[in-house]
Structures are given as C-alpha cells and as structure tokens.
C-alpha cells in the first residue's frame, strides 16, 4: 500500500508544479486580501503581473518569465514523477 501512495504522490507532482504560478497567485491573493480585511473575492492589483508592470516590465517580458517558470516547474514535476526511482 505504501508504494501506491508514493506513486500517487509523484504523479500528482506534475500537475501541481505545472500550475505553480496560478496556485501561488490564488493562495497569496487570499492571504493578502484577508490580511487587509477585504473579501478574498475582491479585485486588487497585488498580483505578480501587475507588480512587474509597475516596475517597468513589458507584457512580453512578463509572459516570457511565466513561460520559463512554468516550463521549469513542469520539467521538475516530470523528473519527480518519472525520473526518480
């Protein structure tokens, strides 16, 4: 039974790491908004994307950063799921 749980955990690593940016954004948004005593569903400009825009990054540069981070996390998830045995 323990081997099946480990295999399931490794298989779950791929989608969780691939969705690393959106999951991180949602979790940090909920914490940020509740800390400010706002509704977690209320719109704000505290997302990473908006912060990078404020620092002068272009849309293209932000998209490339997101692509690189997502590709790296996906590769890590695939390595964990299929490369570690």
N, C-alpha and C. Protein backbone atom coordinates (compact mmCIF):
# COMPACT_ATOMS: atom_id res chain seq x y z
N UNK A 1 0.82 -1.20 0.00
CA UNK A 1 0.00 0.00 0.00
C UNK A 1 0.86 1.26 0.00
N UNK A 2 1.98 1.22 0.69
CA UNK A 2 2.84 2.39 0.75
C UNK A 2 3.41 2.77 -0.60
N UNK A 3 3.69 1.77 -1.43
CA UNK A 3 4.23 2.04 -2.77
C UNK A 3 3.19 2.75 -3.63
N UNK A 4 1.93 2.38 -3.49
CA UNK A 4 0.88 3.04 -4.27
C UNK A 4 0.72 4.50 -3.85
N UNK A 5 0.83 4.77 -2.58
CA UNK A 5 0.73 6.15 -2.11
C UNK A 5 1.89 6.99 -2.63
N UNK A 6 3.08 6.42 -2.66
CA UNK A 6 4.24 7.14 -3.17
C UNK A 6 4.09 7.41 -4.66
N UNK A 7 3.62 6.42 -5.42
CA UNK A 7 3.41 6.61 -6.86
C UNK A 7 2.37 7.68 -7.12
N UNK A 8 1.32 7.69 -6.34
CA UNK A 8 0.28 8.71 -6.50
C UNK A 8 0.84 10.09 -6.18
N UNK A 9 1.64 10.18 -5.15
CA UNK A 9 2.24 11.46 -4.79
C UNK A 9 3.13 11.97 -5.92
N UNK A 10 3.95 11.09 -6.50
CA UNK A 10 4.82 11.51 -7.59
C UNK A 10 4.01 11.90 -8.82
N UNK A 11 2.93 11.18 -9.09
CA UNK A 11 2.09 11.51 -10.23
C UNK A 11 1.39 12.85 -10.04
N UNK A 12 1.04 13.19 -8.81
CA UNK A 12 0.40 14.47 -8.51
C UNK A 12 1.38 15.63 -8.65
N UNK A 13 2.67 15.35 -8.59
CA UNK A 13 3.68 16.41 -8.67
C UNK A 13 3.64 17.12 -10.01
N UNK A 14 3.33 16.41 -11.09
CA UNK A 14 3.35 17.02 -12.42
C UNK A 14 2.32 18.14 -12.53
N UNK A 15 1.03 17.88 -12.30
CA UNK A 15 0.06 18.99 -12.45
C UNK A 15 0.24 20.08 -11.40
N UNK A 16 0.61 19.70 -10.17
CA UNK A 16 0.77 20.72 -9.14
C UNK A 16 1.92 21.67 -9.46
N UNK A 17 3.02 21.14 -9.93
CA UNK A 17 4.14 22.01 -10.28
C UNK A 17 3.87 22.77 -11.56
N UNK A 18 3.19 22.15 -12.52
CA UNK A 18 2.86 22.85 -13.76
C UNK A 18 1.96 24.05 -13.48
N UNK A 19 1.07 23.90 -12.53
CA UNK A 19 0.17 25.01 -12.16
C UNK A 19 0.72 25.83 -11.01
N UNK A 20 2.03 25.84 -10.86
CA UNK A 20 2.67 26.54 -9.75
C UNK A 20 2.35 28.02 -9.68
N UNK A 21 2.40 28.71 -10.81
CA UNK A 21 2.13 30.16 -10.80
C UNK A 21 0.67 30.45 -10.44
N UNK A 22 -0.30 29.84 -11.10
CA UNK A 22 -1.69 30.14 -10.72
C UNK A 22 -2.03 29.76 -9.28
N UNK A 23 -1.53 28.63 -8.82
CA UNK A 23 -1.80 28.21 -7.44
C UNK A 23 -1.19 29.20 -6.46
N UNK A 24 0.04 29.61 -6.71
CA UNK A 24 0.71 30.59 -5.85
C UNK A 24 -0.04 31.92 -5.85
N UNK A 25 -0.49 32.35 -7.02
CA UNK A 25 -1.23 33.61 -7.12
C UNK A 25 -2.52 33.56 -6.31
N UNK A 26 -3.25 32.48 -6.40
CA UNK A 26 -4.52 32.36 -5.68
C UNK A 26 -4.29 32.37 -4.17
N UNK A 27 -3.33 31.55 -3.71
CA UNK A 27 -3.07 31.46 -2.28
C UNK A 27 -2.58 32.80 -1.72
N UNK A 28 -1.63 33.43 -2.41
CA UNK A 28 -1.13 34.71 -1.90
C UNK A 28 -2.20 35.80 -1.97
N UNK A 29 -3.06 35.76 -2.99
CA UNK A 29 -4.14 36.75 -3.08
C UNK A 29 -5.11 36.60 -1.92
N UNK A 30 -5.46 35.38 -1.59
CA UNK A 30 -6.39 35.16 -0.48
C UNK A 30 -5.79 35.67 0.82
N UNK A 31 -4.52 35.31 1.08
CA UNK A 31 -3.87 35.79 2.31
C UNK A 31 -3.73 37.30 2.33
N UNK A 32 -3.33 37.90 1.21
CA UNK A 32 -3.14 39.34 1.14
C UNK A 32 -4.45 40.08 1.39
N UNK A 33 -5.51 39.61 0.77
CA UNK A 33 -6.80 40.29 0.91
C UNK A 33 -7.40 40.11 2.30
N UNK A 34 -7.30 38.91 2.88
CA UNK A 34 -7.85 38.73 4.22
C UNK A 34 -7.03 39.49 5.25
N UNK A 35 -5.71 39.64 5.02
CA UNK A 35 -4.88 40.41 5.93
C UNK A 35 -5.30 41.88 5.92
N UNK A 36 -5.73 42.37 4.75
CA UNK A 36 -6.21 43.75 4.63
C UNK A 36 -7.68 43.88 4.98
N UNK A 37 -8.26 42.79 5.49
CA UNK A 37 -9.68 42.73 5.87
C UNK A 37 -10.59 43.01 4.68
N UNK A 38 -10.19 42.51 3.51
CA UNK A 38 -11.01 42.59 2.30
C UNK A 38 -11.58 41.21 2.03
N UNK A 39 -12.60 41.17 1.19
CA UNK A 39 -13.12 39.89 0.75
C UNK A 39 -12.07 39.21 -0.13
N UNK A 40 -11.88 37.90 0.02
CA UNK A 40 -10.93 37.19 -0.85
C UNK A 40 -11.32 37.24 -2.32
N UNK A 41 -12.57 37.58 -2.60
CA UNK A 41 -13.06 37.63 -3.97
C UNK A 41 -13.01 39.03 -4.57
N UNK A 42 -12.55 39.99 -3.79
CA UNK A 42 -12.47 41.38 -4.26
C UNK A 42 -11.25 41.55 -5.15
N UNK A 43 -11.38 42.32 -6.19
CA UNK A 43 -10.31 42.58 -7.16
C UNK A 43 -9.28 43.53 -6.57
N UNK A 44 -7.99 43.22 -6.82
CA UNK A 44 -6.93 44.15 -6.45
C UNK A 44 -5.79 44.07 -7.46
N UNK A 45 -4.82 44.94 -7.32
CA UNK A 45 -3.69 44.99 -8.25
C UNK A 45 -2.41 44.47 -7.61
N UNK A 46 -2.54 43.52 -6.70
CA UNK A 46 -1.38 42.99 -5.99
C UNK A 46 -0.75 41.76 -6.63
N UNK A 47 -1.26 41.34 -7.77
CA UNK A 47 -0.71 40.15 -8.42
C UNK A 47 0.70 40.42 -8.95
N UNK A 48 1.45 39.34 -9.11
CA UNK A 48 2.83 39.45 -9.60
C UNK A 48 2.87 40.20 -10.93
N UNK A 49 1.92 39.88 -11.80
CA UNK A 49 1.88 40.51 -13.12
C UNK A 49 1.80 42.03 -13.01
N UNK A 50 0.92 42.52 -12.16
CA UNK A 50 0.76 43.97 -12.00
C UNK A 50 1.97 44.60 -11.33
N UNK A 51 2.56 43.90 -10.39
CA UNK A 51 3.76 44.43 -9.73
C UNK A 51 4.91 44.56 -10.71
N UNK A 52 5.06 43.59 -11.60
CA UNK A 52 6.12 43.67 -12.61
C UNK A 52 5.84 44.78 -13.61
N UNK A 53 4.57 45.00 -13.97
CA UNK A 53 4.22 46.11 -14.86
C UNK A 53 4.58 47.44 -14.23
N UNK A 54 4.32 47.58 -12.92
CA UNK A 54 4.66 48.81 -12.21
C UNK A 54 6.16 49.06 -12.20
N UNK A 55 6.95 47.99 -12.21
CA UNK A 55 8.42 48.13 -12.21
C UNK A 55 8.97 48.38 -13.61
N UNK A 56 8.08 48.47 -14.61
CA UNK A 56 8.52 48.81 -15.95
C UNK A 56 8.71 47.62 -16.89
N UNK A 57 8.33 46.43 -16.46
CA UNK A 57 8.45 45.27 -17.33
C UNK A 57 7.39 45.34 -18.42
N UNK A 58 7.70 44.85 -19.60
CA UNK A 58 6.72 44.81 -20.69
C UNK A 58 5.88 43.55 -20.58
N UNK A 59 4.73 43.57 -21.27
CA UNK A 59 3.86 42.39 -21.28
C UNK A 59 4.61 41.18 -21.82
N UNK A 60 5.39 41.41 -22.86
CA UNK A 60 6.14 40.32 -23.49
C UNK A 60 7.16 39.72 -22.52
N UNK A 61 7.87 40.57 -21.80
CA UNK A 61 8.89 40.10 -20.86
C UNK A 61 8.24 39.30 -19.72
N UNK A 62 7.10 39.75 -19.24
CA UNK A 62 6.38 39.04 -18.18
C UNK A 62 5.91 37.68 -18.68
N UNK A 63 5.37 37.65 -19.91
CA UNK A 63 4.91 36.38 -20.48
C UNK A 63 6.07 35.40 -20.62
N UNK A 64 7.22 35.89 -21.07
CA UNK A 64 8.39 35.02 -21.22
C UNK A 64 8.83 34.49 -19.85
N UNK A 65 8.81 35.34 -18.84
CA UNK A 65 9.14 34.90 -17.49
C UNK A 65 8.19 33.80 -17.04
N UNK A 66 6.89 34.00 -17.25
CA UNK A 66 5.90 33.00 -16.87
C UNK A 66 6.13 31.70 -17.63
N UNK A 67 6.44 31.79 -18.93
CA UNK A 67 6.72 30.58 -19.71
C UNK A 67 7.93 29.84 -19.16
N UNK A 68 8.98 30.57 -18.84
CA UNK A 68 10.19 29.94 -18.31
C UNK A 68 9.95 29.27 -16.96
N UNK A 69 9.25 29.96 -16.08
CA UNK A 69 8.96 29.40 -14.76
C UNK A 69 8.08 28.16 -14.90
N UNK A 70 7.04 28.25 -15.73
CA UNK A 70 6.14 27.11 -15.92
C UNK A 70 6.86 25.93 -16.54
N UNK A 71 7.72 26.18 -17.52
CA UNK A 71 8.49 25.10 -18.15
C UNK A 71 9.43 24.45 -17.14
N UNK A 72 10.09 25.26 -16.33
CA UNK A 72 11.00 24.73 -15.31
C UNK A 72 10.25 23.89 -14.28
N UNK A 73 9.12 24.40 -13.80
CA UNK A 73 8.33 23.65 -12.82
C UNK A 73 7.76 22.37 -13.42
N UNK A 74 7.34 22.42 -14.68
CA UNK A 74 6.82 21.23 -15.35
C UNK A 74 7.92 20.18 -15.50
N UNK A 75 9.10 20.62 -15.89
CA UNK A 75 10.22 19.69 -16.01
C UNK A 75 10.57 19.07 -14.66
N UNK A 76 10.53 19.86 -13.62
CA UNK A 76 10.79 19.33 -12.28
C UNK A 76 9.74 18.30 -11.89
N UNK A 77 8.48 18.60 -12.19
CA UNK A 77 7.41 17.64 -11.90
C UNK A 77 7.56 16.35 -12.67
N UNK A 78 7.92 16.45 -13.94
CA UNK A 78 8.14 15.24 -14.75
C UNK A 78 9.34 14.45 -14.23
N UNK A 79 10.38 15.15 -13.82
CA UNK A 79 11.54 14.47 -13.27
C UNK A 79 11.17 13.74 -11.99
N UNK A 80 10.41 14.40 -11.13
CA UNK A 80 10.00 13.76 -9.88
C UNK A 80 9.11 12.54 -10.17
N UNK A 81 8.20 12.69 -11.12
CA UNK A 81 7.25 11.61 -11.40
C UNK A 81 7.89 10.43 -12.12
N UNK A 82 8.79 10.71 -13.05
CA UNK A 82 9.29 9.62 -13.89
C UNK A 82 10.80 9.39 -13.79
N UNK A 83 11.54 10.34 -13.29
CA UNK A 83 12.98 10.21 -13.28
C UNK A 83 13.55 9.67 -11.97
N UNK A 84 12.82 9.84 -10.89
CA UNK A 84 13.30 9.39 -9.58
C UNK A 84 12.70 8.03 -9.30
N UNK A 85 13.51 7.01 -9.26
CA UNK A 85 13.04 5.65 -8.93
C UNK A 85 14.11 4.93 -8.21
